[in-house]
Amino acid sequence: MKGYKEFGMAMTGVFPVQDGVELAKLSEASELGSVWFAEDYFFRGGIPYMAAASMVTKKIRIGLGVVNPYSRHPALTAMEFATIDEMCNKRAIFGLGSGVPFWMDQMGLWDKKPISRTRESIEVIRKIMTGESITHKGKYFETKAVKLIFEPVRKEVPIYLAFEGKQGLKLAGEIGEGAIMSIFCTPAYTKFAWERVKAGAKEEGRSLDDFEMVGYLPVVLEDDLDKAYNIARDFSKLYLPHSQPGGPLMEHAGVKPEDTKAFNEAAEEGDDAKLGELITDKMLQALCVVGDVESCVKQIQDMIDAGTNTPVAFPVPGTDPIETAKVIGKEIAPHLK
């Protein structure tokens, strides 16, 4: 897909479910294109948000970004996907990715085989969602005459993949309808992601005319720049210590491996003040969308120009997601192209 498609809003389990419901309603009323719900462990679950939003909206797309192939058997994932798609009348987009290794490891689920496991999981999910009886015996999963007792409203649903690295993005190009770029994505990373997606699509002889590149962007709309950076810094403390040192996301943002390791060490030591000092304003300029409306329009447009079809504002604690959505709908989205 070429060019700008739409602006989306995201909700994470930091906020109450009712906030997610209000965000979905407001996003639709503001004529934004989509609302996305994250499943971050161990926050509030993304699927309940998605279900609630499905019942109070009529036209906005509802995305799940993302679940993983470890914590659920693909038969259960297919069951949930089909149910949500019925609830929102075919407006659902489903994201699947490896999840954050730190969280997976906390549950004893991380086996360092995310690519092949995801590929097989999607294969099984798609088969089950045809509504047929499926028997499968693979390397990671097994089903014995699994059949949904209800008829899915769509036998094929869009599945977007969320991976940071080369092989995962290539897989998205091979088998996905889209890709979801994590928070802290940058214009440089977006170009890198497209290169890998194109490589995967070329290998499979697939067209990318309808492929959608979604980018999660932490947005802090605030005229007081010092205040904005402090809010963005507190948010970044939750995620940066778990980023991959030297991984493509950090590399393309200019964050060195030693910086990421230092974030992790400070977090493990419980030294919040030190962690805050390590996350500089320059890093935040690269990792987040921060500033007044005019500045944020420019930063988001830079992401679109790099290839992000659907920028998605990711909620940041210390900001009001509802008010952010109002400003984006009225003052930012209309100026993007």
Protein backbone atom coordinates (compact mmCIF):
# COMPACT_ATOMS: atom_id res chain seq x y z
CA MET A 1 0.00 0.00 0.00
CA LYS A 2 1.32 3.42 -0.90
CA GLY A 3 0.66 6.58 1.06
CA TYR A 4 -1.40 7.61 4.04
CA LYS A 5 -4.47 5.51 4.84
CA GLU A 6 -5.84 6.80 8.15
CA PHE A 7 -5.05 7.83 11.70
CA GLY A 8 -5.68 5.42 14.54
CA MET A 9 -5.82 5.59 18.32
CA ALA A 10 -4.52 2.90 20.67
CA MET A 11 -5.34 1.92 24.23
CA THR A 12 -3.21 -0.03 26.67
CA GLY A 13 -4.03 -1.82 29.89
CA VAL A 14 -2.60 1.02 31.97
CA PHE A 15 -5.99 2.70 31.61
CA PRO A 16 -9.41 1.47 32.81
CA VAL A 17 -11.57 -0.43 30.32
CA GLN A 18 -14.16 2.36 30.39
CA ASP A 19 -11.50 4.71 29.03
CA GLY A 20 -11.01 2.32 26.12
CA VAL A 21 -14.75 2.33 25.44
CA GLU A 22 -14.88 6.13 25.48
CA LEU A 23 -11.80 6.32 23.26
CA ALA A 24 -13.40 4.03 20.68
CA LYS A 25 -16.63 6.05 20.64
CA LEU A 26 -14.80 9.36 20.38
CA SER A 27 -12.41 8.10 17.69
CA GLU A 28 -15.38 7.04 15.58
CA ALA A 29 -17.18 10.33 16.18
CA SER A 30 -13.99 12.19 15.21
CA GLU A 31 -13.90 10.21 11.94
CA LEU A 32 -10.58 8.55 12.74
CA GLY A 33 -10.07 5.26 10.96
CA SER A 34 -9.20 2.72 13.62
CA VAL A 35 -8.78 2.01 17.31
CA TRP A 36 -6.22 -0.52 18.56
CA PHE A 37 -5.94 -2.43 21.82
CA ALA A 38 -2.67 -3.76 23.17
CA GLU A 39 -2.24 -6.95 25.16
CA ASP A 40 0.66 -6.08 27.43
CA TYR A 41 1.46 -8.44 30.30
CA PHE A 42 0.53 -7.96 33.12
CA PHE A 43 -1.79 -5.07 32.43
CA ARG A 44 -5.51 -5.22 31.64
CA GLY A 45 -6.17 -7.63 28.76
CA GLY A 46 -6.59 -6.34 25.21
CA ILE A 47 -9.38 -8.70 24.14
CA PRO A 48 -11.93 -7.47 26.73
CA TYR A 49 -11.23 -3.88 25.59
CA MET A 50 -11.78 -4.96 22.01
CA ALA A 51 -15.04 -6.72 22.83
CA ALA A 52 -16.37 -3.71 24.73
CA ALA A 53 -15.42 -1.33 21.91
CA SER A 54 -17.11 -3.60 19.37
CA MET A 55 -20.47 -3.14 21.09
CA VAL A 56 -20.43 0.67 21.17
CA THR A 57 -19.19 1.45 17.64
CA LYS A 58 -20.53 0.80 14.14
CA LYS A 59 -17.93 1.63 11.51
CA ILE A 60 -14.44 2.20 12.91
CA ARG A 61 -11.93 -0.62 12.44
CA ILE A 62 -10.94 -2.37 15.67
CA GLY A 63 -7.44 -3.77 15.91
CA LEU A 64 -5.81 -6.13 18.38
CA GLY A 65 -2.13 -5.51 18.64
CA VAL A 66 -0.96 -8.01 19.56
CA VAL A 67 -1.36 -11.52 20.97
CA ASN A 68 1.41 -14.11 20.87
CA PRO A 69 1.74 -17.79 19.85
CA TYR A 70 2.90 -18.89 23.31
CA SER A 71 0.22 -18.11 25.86
CA ARG A 72 -2.70 -19.42 23.77
CA HIS A 73 -3.15 -22.46 21.59
CA PRO A 74 -4.05 -21.30 18.04
CA ALA A 75 -7.42 -23.05 18.37
CA LEU A 76 -8.28 -20.71 21.25
CA THR A 77 -6.92 -17.73 19.35
CA ALA A 78 -9.08 -18.65 16.35
CA MET A 79 -12.11 -18.99 18.62
CA GLU A 80 -11.53 -15.52 20.08
CA PHE A 81 -10.78 -13.95 16.69
CA ALA A 82 -13.99 -15.36 15.20
CA THR A 83 -16.06 -14.22 18.17
CA ILE A 84 -14.69 -10.67 18.13
CA ASP A 85 -15.17 -10.45 14.37
CA GLU A 86 -18.82 -11.41 14.84
CA MET A 87 -19.24 -8.83 17.62
CA CYS A 88 -17.95 -5.96 15.50
CA ASN A 89 -19.46 -7.20 12.21
CA LYS A 90 -16.27 -7.83 10.24
CA ARG A 91 -14.37 -4.73 11.39
CA ALA A 92 -11.63 -6.59 13.25
CA ILE A 93 -7.91 -6.66 12.51
CA PHE A 94 -5.85 -9.18 14.44
CA GLY A 95 -2.22 -8.73 15.35
CA LEU A 96 0.09 -11.63 16.15
CA GLY A 97 3.68 -11.37 17.28
CA SER A 98 6.25 -12.91 19.57
CA GLY A 99 5.44 -10.65 22.49
CA VAL A 100 8.03 -9.11 24.79
CA PRO A 101 10.57 -11.83 25.67
CA PHE A 102 10.91 -10.46 29.21
CA TRP A 103 7.19 -11.02 29.86
CA MET A 104 7.14 -14.40 28.12
CA ASP A 105 10.08 -15.53 30.22
CA GLN A 106 8.26 -14.49 33.39
CA MET A 107 5.62 -17.08 32.50
CA GLY A 108 8.14 -19.71 31.46
CA LEU A 109 6.91 -19.58 27.87
CA TRP A 110 9.86 -18.19 25.92
CA ASP A 111 11.59 -20.78 23.72
CA LYS A 112 13.40 -18.44 21.30
CA LYS A 113 11.55 -19.85 18.27
CA PRO A 114 9.13 -17.01 17.57
CA ILE A 115 9.25 -17.04 13.76
CA SER A 116 8.52 -20.71 13.09
CA ARG A 117 6.04 -20.89 15.96
CA THR A 118 4.16 -17.84 14.66
CA ARG A 119 4.10 -19.20 11.12
CA GLU A 120 2.54 -22.47 12.30
CA SER A 121 0.14 -20.70 14.65
CA ILE A 122 -1.21 -18.53 11.83
CA GLU A 123 -1.55 -21.59 9.58
CA VAL A 124 -3.71 -23.33 12.19
CA ILE A 125 -5.75 -20.21 13.01
CA ARG A 126 -6.60 -19.63 9.37
CA LYS A 127 -7.61 -23.25 8.85
CA ILE A 128 -9.89 -23.29 11.89
CA MET A 129 -11.53 -20.01 10.88
CA THR A 130 -12.75 -21.56 7.65
CA GLY A 131 -15.29 -23.30 9.87
CA GLU A 132 -14.14 -26.73 8.77
CA SER A 133 -12.98 -29.60 10.99
CA ILE A 134 -9.21 -29.38 11.31
CA THR A 135 -6.73 -32.06 12.26
CA HIS A 136 -3.15 -30.83 12.44
CA LYS A 137 0.08 -32.21 13.83
CA GLY A 138 3.02 -29.88 13.54
CA LYS A 139 6.22 -29.07 15.36
CA TYR A 140 4.52 -26.83 17.93
CA PHE A 141 0.79 -27.45 17.80
CA GLU A 142 -1.67 -30.28 17.44
CA THR A 143 -5.41 -30.34 16.79
CA LYS A 144 -7.71 -33.33 16.54
CA ALA A 145 -10.91 -32.65 14.60
CA VAL A 146 -11.18 -29.11 15.95
CA LYS A 147 -14.25 -27.33 14.60
CA LEU A 148 -15.95 -24.14 15.71
CA ILE A 149 -19.55 -24.80 16.69
CA PHE A 150 -20.62 -21.50 15.10
CA GLU A 151 -20.13 -20.19 11.58
CA PRO A 152 -17.48 -17.43 11.41
CA VAL A 153 -18.82 -14.26 9.80
CA ARG A 154 -15.63 -14.20 7.71
CA LYS A 155 -13.69 -17.27 6.72
CA GLU A 156 -10.64 -15.06 6.17
CA VAL A 157 -9.71 -12.28 8.58
CA PRO A 158 -6.78 -9.86 8.26
CA ILE A 159 -3.82 -10.93 10.38
CA TYR A 160 -1.02 -8.43 10.87
CA LEU A 161 2.37 -9.46 12.21
CA ALA A 162 4.37 -7.58 14.82
CA PHE A 163 8.09 -8.30 14.86
CA GLU A 164 11.07 -6.03 15.33
CA GLY A 165 13.76 -7.98 13.49
CA LYS A 166 14.62 -8.91 9.93
CA GLN A 167 13.17 -12.39 9.82
CA GLY A 168 9.89 -11.45 11.50
CA LEU A 169 9.31 -8.55 9.12
CA LYS A 170 10.16 -10.81 6.20
CA LEU A 171 7.55 -13.27 7.49
CA ALA A 172 4.99 -10.44 7.53
CA GLY A 173 5.68 -9.90 3.84
CA GLU A 174 5.35 -13.62 3.19
CA ILE A 175 2.07 -14.37 4.95
CA GLY A 176 0.60 -11.24 6.59
CA GLU A 177 -1.95 -8.67 5.49
CA GLY A 178 0.00 -6.00 7.32
CA ALA A 179 2.68 -5.25 9.88
CA ILE A 180 2.49 -3.46 13.23
CA MET A 181 5.58 -1.54 14.22
CA SER A 182 6.22 -1.28 17.93
CA ILE A 183 6.33 1.90 19.96
CA PHE A 184 9.61 3.75 19.44
CA CYS A 185 9.53 3.16 15.66
CA THR A 186 11.16 5.93 13.65
CA PRO A 187 11.22 7.00 9.98
CA ALA A 188 14.53 5.17 9.53
CA TYR A 189 13.11 2.01 11.06
CA THR A 190 9.98 2.28 8.90
CA LYS A 191 12.11 2.23 5.75
CA PHE A 192 14.01 -0.76 7.11
CA ALA A 193 10.73 -2.55 7.87
CA TRP A 194 9.45 -2.02 4.33
CA GLU A 195 12.68 -3.40 2.86
CA ARG A 196 12.27 -6.61 4.81
CA VAL A 197 8.53 -6.89 4.07
CA LYS A 198 9.24 -6.46 0.36
CA ALA A 199 11.89 -9.19 0.51
CA GLY A 200 9.38 -11.61 2.01
CA ALA A 201 6.66 -10.72 -0.47
CA LYS A 202 9.03 -11.08 -3.42
CA GLU A 203 10.08 -14.53 -2.27
CA GLU A 204 6.44 -15.65 -2.20
CA GLY A 205 5.41 -13.77 -5.35
CA ARG A 206 2.88 -11.71 -3.37
CA SER A 207 1.54 -8.27 -4.19
CA LEU A 208 1.82 -5.59 -1.51
CA ASP A 209 -0.85 -3.35 -3.00
CA ASP A 210 -3.11 -3.87 0.03
CA PHE A 211 -0.40 -4.41 2.65
CA GLU A 212 -0.70 -1.96 5.55
CA MET A 213 2.19 -0.67 7.68
CA VAL A 214 0.89 0.39 11.09
CA GLY A 215 3.10 2.39 13.46
CA TYR A 216 2.49 2.79 17.20
CA LEU A 217 3.60 6.28 18.23
CA PRO A 218 3.73 7.46 21.86
CA VAL A 219 2.19 10.93 21.57
CA VAL A 220 2.54 13.68 24.17
CA LEU A 221 0.69 16.80 23.04
CA GLU A 222 1.94 19.57 25.29
CA ASP A 223 3.02 23.19 24.64
CA ASP A 224 5.40 23.12 27.62
CA LEU A 225 8.27 21.14 26.11
CA ASP A 226 10.01 20.42 29.43
CA LYS A 227 6.77 19.01 30.82
CA ALA A 228 6.23 17.00 27.64
CA TYR A 229 9.68 15.43 27.85
CA ASN A 230 9.20 14.54 31.50
CA ILE A 231 5.92 12.76 30.70
CA ALA A 232 7.53 10.94 27.76
CA ARG A 233 10.51 10.01 29.94
CA ASP A 234 8.33 8.45 32.64
CA PHE A 235 6.52 6.45 29.97
CA SER A 236 9.76 5.32 28.36
CA LYS A 237 10.99 3.97 31.69
CA LEU A 238 8.29 1.28 31.46
CA TYR A 239 9.52 -0.09 28.13
CA LEU A 240 13.10 0.91 27.28
CA PRO A 241 14.73 -1.38 29.89
CA HIS A 242 13.16 -4.34 28.06
CA SER A 243 14.25 -3.27 24.56
CA GLN A 244 16.68 -5.43 22.64
CA PRO A 245 20.23 -4.03 22.91
CA GLY A 246 21.50 -3.41 19.40
CA GLY A 247 18.14 -4.44 17.91
CA PRO A 248 16.87 -2.69 14.76
CA LEU A 249 14.34 -0.55 16.66
CA MET A 250 16.95 1.01 18.92
CA GLU A 251 19.64 1.04 16.25
CA HIS A 252 17.53 3.10 13.88
CA ALA A 253 16.63 5.48 16.70
CA GLY A 254 20.31 6.06 17.48
CA VAL A 255 20.18 4.37 20.89
CA LYS A 256 23.38 2.41 21.43
CA PRO A 257 23.51 -1.14 22.88
CA GLU A 258 25.36 0.11 25.95
CA ASP A 259 22.54 2.61 26.56
CA THR A 260 19.90 -0.12 26.50
CA LYS A 261 21.96 -2.30 28.83
CA ALA A 262 22.33 0.64 31.20
CA PHE A 263 18.54 1.15 31.17
CA ASN A 264 18.08 -2.50 32.12
CA GLU A 265 20.65 -2.38 34.91
CA ALA A 266 19.11 0.74 36.43
CA ALA A 267 15.64 -0.83 36.28
CA GLU A 268 16.84 -4.05 37.91
CA GLU A 269 18.50 -2.02 40.66
CA GLY A 270 15.26 -0.10 41.18
CA ASP A 271 17.10 3.18 40.61
CA ASP A 272 14.34 5.22 39.00
CA ALA A 273 16.25 8.49 39.21
CA LYS A 274 19.27 7.03 37.42
CA LEU A 275 17.05 5.50 34.74
CA GLY A 276 15.45 8.89 34.14
CA GLU A 277 18.88 10.52 33.76
CA LEU A 278 19.94 7.91 31.21
CA ILE A 279 16.95 8.63 28.96
CA THR A 280 17.96 11.92 27.36
CA ASP A 281 15.82 14.52 25.63
CA LYS A 282 17.58 13.66 22.37
CA MET A 283 16.48 10.03 22.72
CA LEU A 284 12.92 11.11 23.42
CA GLN A 285 12.91 13.29 20.31
CA ALA A 286 13.65 10.17 18.27
CA LEU A 287 11.49 7.69 20.18
CA CYS A 288 8.29 9.66 20.80
CA VAL A 289 6.07 12.31 19.22
CA VAL A 290 6.42 15.21 21.62
CA GLY A 291 5.46 18.86 21.58
CA ASP A 292 2.75 21.25 20.44
CA VAL A 293 0.27 20.51 17.66
CA GLU A 294 2.39 21.96 14.86
CA SER A 295 5.46 20.04 15.94
CA CYS A 296 3.52 16.78 16.30
CA VAL A 297 1.99 17.17 12.83
CA LYS A 298 5.49 17.43 11.37
CA GLN A 299 6.81 14.44 13.32
CA ILE A 300 3.86 12.25 12.30
CA GLN A 301 4.09 13.39 8.69
CA ASP A 302 7.74 12.32 8.69
CA MET A 303 6.59 8.82 9.66
CA ILE A 304 4.00 8.82 6.86
CA ASP A 305 6.56 10.02 4.32
CA ALA A 306 8.82 7.13 5.38
CA GLY A 307 6.05 4.62 4.66
CA THR A 308 3.75 4.42 7.66
CA ASN A 309 0.26 4.03 6.17
CA THR A 310 -1.55 4.14 9.50
CA PRO A 311 0.06 6.08 12.35
CA VAL A 312 -1.50 5.15 15.67
CA ALA A 313 -1.27 7.35 18.75
CA PHE A 314 -0.23 5.16 21.67
CA PRO A 315 -1.51 6.41 25.05
CA VAL A 316 1.02 7.73 27.53
CA PRO A 317 0.33 7.80 31.29
CA GLY A 318 0.30 11.41 32.42
CA THR A 319 -1.77 12.41 29.40
CA ASP A 320 -5.50 12.14 28.84
CA PRO A 321 -6.12 9.74 25.92
CA ILE A 322 -9.60 11.13 25.37
CA GLU A 323 -8.39 14.72 25.12
CA THR A 324 -5.51 13.59 22.91
CA ALA A 325 -7.98 11.91 20.55
CA LYS A 326 -10.06 15.09 20.39
CA VAL A 327 -7.06 17.19 19.40
CA ILE A 328 -5.84 14.62 16.89
CA GLY A 329 -9.28 14.42 15.28
CA LYS A 330 -9.70 18.18 15.00
CA GLU A 331 -6.17 19.58 14.63
CA ILE A 332 -3.77 16.87 13.50
CA ALA A 333 -5.41 14.20 11.32
CA PRO A 334 -6.92 16.73 8.86
CA HIS A 335 -3.42 18.07 8.08
CA LEU A 336 -1.80 14.71 7.32
CA LYS A 337 -1.41 13.48 3.76
